Every structure is written in structure tokens, then in C-alpha cells.
Amino acid sequence: MTVIDQVLGEINEVMGKVDEAQLSQAEALIQKDKRIFVLGAGRSGLMAKGFAMRLMHIAIRYLRLAKPSRHLSKRATF
């Protein structure tokens, strides 16, 4: 088995676990709101940043706090 075959197998395994009904519900929630607030720290912050970038690609406004502890005392506007 090649590395590519192994990677494709792992991708297919993960995609087989995706609940399409939940995915549709998430899509509906994202589409109904005009702005999305994204927050994370550490590894979760990296995932939040990636998600925020995807939102930007589909023209949804978002607010992402890079250093939550520093910004929480300030009023956020978007």
C-alpha cells in the first residue's frame, strides 16, 4: 500500500462518519446569521482561524479574537 492509498483510506473512513443531517443543520445555522463570532486558544485557536478563513471565502462576516484573554475586556464590534 502506498502512502497515497493510506491517506485516501483515512479520508474515506473519516468522511464515512460524517452525519449529513448534522452538516445540513450547521449549514442552515451559518447561513441564517449575518455575522459569526469565532474564538479559540492554542490548537483550538488554529482551528478557529481556519474556520474563520473558510467563512471569509464564502463571504460571511466574522469576528475572530486571536488572543482572547487580551481582548475580552474590550467591546467587540463588526
N, C-alpha and C. Protein backbone atom coordinates (compact mmCIF):
# COMPACT_ATOMS: atom_id res chain seq x y z
N MET A 1 0.84 -1.18 0.00
CA MET A 1 0.00 0.00 0.00
C MET A 1 0.89 1.24 0.00
N THR A 2 0.58 2.17 -0.88
CA THR A 2 1.36 3.41 -0.94
C THR A 2 0.85 4.40 0.10
N VAL A 3 1.63 5.43 0.32
CA VAL A 3 1.23 6.47 1.28
C VAL A 3 -0.07 7.13 0.80
N ILE A 4 -0.18 7.37 -0.48
CA ILE A 4 -1.39 8.00 -1.04
C ILE A 4 -2.61 7.12 -0.78
N ASP A 5 -2.47 5.82 -0.97
CA ASP A 5 -3.58 4.90 -0.70
C ASP A 5 -3.98 4.95 0.77
N GLN A 6 -2.99 5.01 1.65
CA GLN A 6 -3.26 5.06 3.08
C GLN A 6 -4.00 6.36 3.44
N VAL A 7 -3.53 7.48 2.90
CA VAL A 7 -4.17 8.77 3.18
C VAL A 7 -5.61 8.77 2.66
N LEU A 8 -5.81 8.27 1.44
CA LEU A 8 -7.16 8.21 0.88
C LEU A 8 -8.07 7.31 1.72
N GLY A 9 -7.52 6.21 2.21
CA GLY A 9 -8.30 5.33 3.07
C GLY A 9 -8.73 6.02 4.35
N GLU A 10 -7.82 6.78 4.95
CA GLU A 10 -8.14 7.51 6.18
C GLU A 10 -9.17 8.60 5.93
N ILE A 11 -9.04 9.30 4.81
CA ILE A 11 -10.01 10.34 4.46
C ILE A 11 -11.39 9.72 4.27
N ASN A 12 -11.45 8.61 3.54
CA ASN A 12 -12.73 7.93 3.31
C ASN A 12 -13.34 7.43 4.61
N GLU A 13 -12.51 6.95 5.54
CA GLU A 13 -13.00 6.50 6.83
C GLU A 13 -13.64 7.64 7.61
N VAL A 14 -12.96 8.79 7.64
CA VAL A 14 -13.49 9.95 8.35
C VAL A 14 -14.76 10.46 7.68
N MET A 15 -14.76 10.55 6.36
CA MET A 15 -15.94 11.05 5.65
C MET A 15 -17.14 10.12 5.84
N GLY A 16 -16.89 8.84 6.04
CA GLY A 16 -17.97 7.89 6.30
C GLY A 16 -18.64 8.13 7.64
N LYS A 17 -17.96 8.83 8.54
CA LYS A 17 -18.50 9.11 9.87
C LYS A 17 -19.27 10.43 9.93
N VAL A 18 -19.26 11.19 8.84
CA VAL A 18 -19.94 12.48 8.80
C VAL A 18 -21.45 12.25 8.71
N ASP A 19 -22.17 12.87 9.62
CA ASP A 19 -23.63 12.80 9.62
C ASP A 19 -24.14 13.95 8.74
N GLU A 20 -24.66 13.61 7.58
CA GLU A 20 -25.08 14.66 6.63
C GLU A 20 -26.23 15.50 7.16
N ALA A 21 -27.07 14.94 8.02
CA ALA A 21 -28.17 15.72 8.60
C ALA A 21 -27.60 16.81 9.51
N GLN A 22 -26.59 16.47 10.32
CA GLN A 22 -25.96 17.46 11.17
C GLN A 22 -25.24 18.52 10.35
N LEU A 23 -24.63 18.09 9.26
CA LEU A 23 -23.94 19.02 8.38
C LEU A 23 -24.94 20.02 7.77
N SER A 24 -26.11 19.54 7.38
CA SER A 24 -27.14 20.42 6.83
C SER A 24 -27.65 21.39 7.88
N GLN A 25 -27.79 20.91 9.13
CA GLN A 25 -28.22 21.79 10.22
C GLN A 25 -27.19 22.89 10.48
N ALA A 26 -25.92 22.52 10.47
CA ALA A 26 -24.85 23.51 10.68
C ALA A 26 -24.85 24.54 9.56
N GLU A 27 -25.03 24.07 8.35
CA GLU A 27 -25.08 24.98 7.20
C GLU A 27 -26.23 25.97 7.34
N ALA A 28 -27.39 25.49 7.76
CA ALA A 28 -28.56 26.36 7.93
C ALA A 28 -28.29 27.42 9.00
N LEU A 29 -27.66 27.02 10.10
CA LEU A 29 -27.34 27.97 11.16
C LEU A 29 -26.37 29.04 10.68
N ILE A 30 -25.36 28.64 9.93
CA ILE A 30 -24.36 29.59 9.44
C ILE A 30 -24.99 30.55 8.43
N GLN A 31 -25.84 30.03 7.56
CA GLN A 31 -26.45 30.85 6.52
C GLN A 31 -27.47 31.85 7.07
N LYS A 32 -28.13 31.53 8.19
CA LYS A 32 -29.18 32.42 8.70
C LYS A 32 -28.62 33.66 9.40
N ASP A 33 -27.42 33.58 9.92
CA ASP A 33 -26.84 34.72 10.62
C ASP A 33 -25.92 35.53 9.69
N LYS A 34 -25.91 36.83 9.90
CA LYS A 34 -25.10 37.69 9.06
C LYS A 34 -23.67 37.79 9.55
N ARG A 35 -23.45 37.48 10.85
CA ARG A 35 -22.11 37.55 11.42
C ARG A 35 -21.88 36.35 12.33
N ILE A 36 -20.66 35.87 12.34
CA ILE A 36 -20.28 34.72 13.15
C ILE A 36 -19.11 35.13 14.05
N PHE A 37 -19.19 34.78 15.33
CA PHE A 37 -18.13 35.04 16.29
C PHE A 37 -17.32 33.77 16.45
N VAL A 38 -16.01 33.84 16.22
CA VAL A 38 -15.13 32.67 16.29
C VAL A 38 -14.07 32.93 17.35
N LEU A 39 -13.90 31.98 18.27
CA LEU A 39 -12.97 32.15 19.37
C LEU A 39 -12.25 30.84 19.65
N GLY A 40 -10.98 30.92 19.94
CA GLY A 40 -10.22 29.73 20.30
C GLY A 40 -8.85 30.13 20.81
N ALA A 41 -8.24 29.24 21.57
CA ALA A 41 -6.90 29.47 22.07
C ALA A 41 -6.07 28.21 21.84
N GLY A 42 -4.80 28.39 21.57
CA GLY A 42 -3.93 27.24 21.33
C GLY A 42 -4.32 26.51 20.05
N ARG A 43 -4.41 25.18 20.12
CA ARG A 43 -4.79 24.40 18.94
C ARG A 43 -6.20 24.72 18.48
N SER A 44 -7.09 24.94 19.45
CA SER A 44 -8.46 25.32 19.10
C SER A 44 -8.46 26.66 18.36
N GLY A 45 -7.55 27.54 18.73
CA GLY A 45 -7.42 28.83 18.05
C GLY A 45 -7.00 28.66 16.60
N LEU A 46 -6.12 27.70 16.36
CA LEU A 46 -5.72 27.43 14.98
C LEU A 46 -6.90 26.92 14.15
N MET A 47 -7.71 26.06 14.75
CA MET A 47 -8.90 25.55 14.06
C MET A 47 -9.91 26.68 13.83
N ALA A 48 -10.05 27.56 14.84
CA ALA A 48 -10.96 28.69 14.72
C ALA A 48 -10.50 29.62 13.60
N LYS A 49 -9.20 29.83 13.51
CA LYS A 49 -8.66 30.68 12.45
C LYS A 49 -8.95 30.08 11.08
N GLY A 50 -8.75 28.77 10.94
CA GLY A 50 -9.05 28.09 9.68
C GLY A 50 -10.52 28.19 9.31
N PHE A 51 -11.40 28.00 10.31
CA PHE A 51 -12.83 28.11 10.07
C PHE A 51 -13.20 29.52 9.66
N ALA A 52 -12.63 30.51 10.35
CA ALA A 52 -12.90 31.91 10.00
C ALA A 52 -12.47 32.22 8.58
N MET A 53 -11.36 31.67 8.17
CA MET A 53 -10.89 31.89 6.79
C MET A 53 -11.87 31.28 5.79
N ARG A 54 -12.42 30.11 6.12
CA ARG A 54 -13.42 29.49 5.23
C ARG A 54 -14.67 30.35 5.13
N LEU A 55 -15.07 30.92 6.28
CA LEU A 55 -16.23 31.82 6.26
C LEU A 55 -15.97 33.01 5.35
N MET A 56 -14.75 33.55 5.44
CA MET A 56 -14.39 34.68 4.59
C MET A 56 -14.50 34.30 3.11
N HIS A 57 -14.07 33.09 2.78
CA HIS A 57 -14.11 32.65 1.37
C HIS A 57 -15.53 32.57 0.83
N ILE A 58 -16.50 32.33 1.71
CA ILE A 58 -17.89 32.28 1.24
C ILE A 58 -18.66 33.56 1.60
N ALA A 59 -17.91 34.62 1.85
CA ALA A 59 -18.45 35.98 2.05
C ALA A 59 -19.35 36.11 3.27
N ILE A 60 -19.00 35.43 4.36
CA ILE A 60 -19.73 35.59 5.62
C ILE A 60 -18.83 36.39 6.56
N ARG A 61 -19.41 37.44 7.15
CA ARG A 61 -18.63 38.27 8.08
C ARG A 61 -18.41 37.53 9.38
N TYR A 62 -17.24 37.70 9.95
CA TYR A 62 -16.92 37.03 11.19
C TYR A 62 -16.04 37.94 12.04
N LEU A 63 -16.00 37.63 13.32
CA LEU A 63 -15.08 38.29 14.24
C LEU A 63 -14.29 37.17 14.90
N ARG A 64 -12.97 37.25 14.80
CA ARG A 64 -12.10 36.24 15.42
C ARG A 64 -11.16 36.95 16.37
N LEU A 65 -11.11 36.47 17.58
CA LEU A 65 -10.18 37.03 18.56
C LEU A 65 -8.94 36.15 18.59
N ALA A 66 -7.79 36.75 18.29
CA ALA A 66 -6.54 35.99 18.24
C ALA A 66 -6.03 35.66 19.64
N LYS A 67 -6.12 36.60 20.55
CA LYS A 67 -5.67 36.41 21.93
C LYS A 67 -6.85 36.74 22.83
N PRO A 68 -7.72 35.75 23.08
CA PRO A 68 -8.97 36.02 23.80
C PRO A 68 -8.78 36.72 25.14
N SER A 69 -7.80 36.34 25.93
CA SER A 69 -7.64 36.92 27.25
C SER A 69 -7.32 38.41 27.19
N ARG A 70 -6.67 38.83 26.12
CA ARG A 70 -6.30 40.24 25.97
C ARG A 70 -7.48 41.08 25.49
N HIS A 71 -8.38 40.48 24.69
CA HIS A 71 -9.44 41.24 24.05
C HIS A 71 -10.78 41.21 24.77
N LEU A 72 -10.99 40.28 25.68
CA LEU A 72 -12.31 40.13 26.27
C LEU A 72 -12.76 41.35 27.06
N SER A 73 -11.83 42.16 27.53
CA SER A 73 -12.22 43.35 28.28
C SER A 73 -12.64 44.50 27.37
N LYS A 74 -12.39 44.38 26.09
CA LYS A 74 -12.75 45.43 25.13
C LYS A 74 -14.08 45.08 24.45
N ARG A 75 -14.82 46.08 24.06
CA ARG A 75 -16.08 45.84 23.37
C ARG A 75 -15.76 45.52 21.90
N ALA A 76 -16.26 44.39 21.42
CA ALA A 76 -16.01 43.98 20.05
C ALA A 76 -17.16 44.42 19.15
N THR A 77 -16.82 45.00 18.02
CA THR A 77 -17.83 45.39 17.03
C THR A 77 -17.42 44.85 15.68
N PHE A 78 -18.43 44.61 14.86
CA PHE A 78 -18.12 44.21 13.49
C PHE A 78 -19.11 44.74 12.52
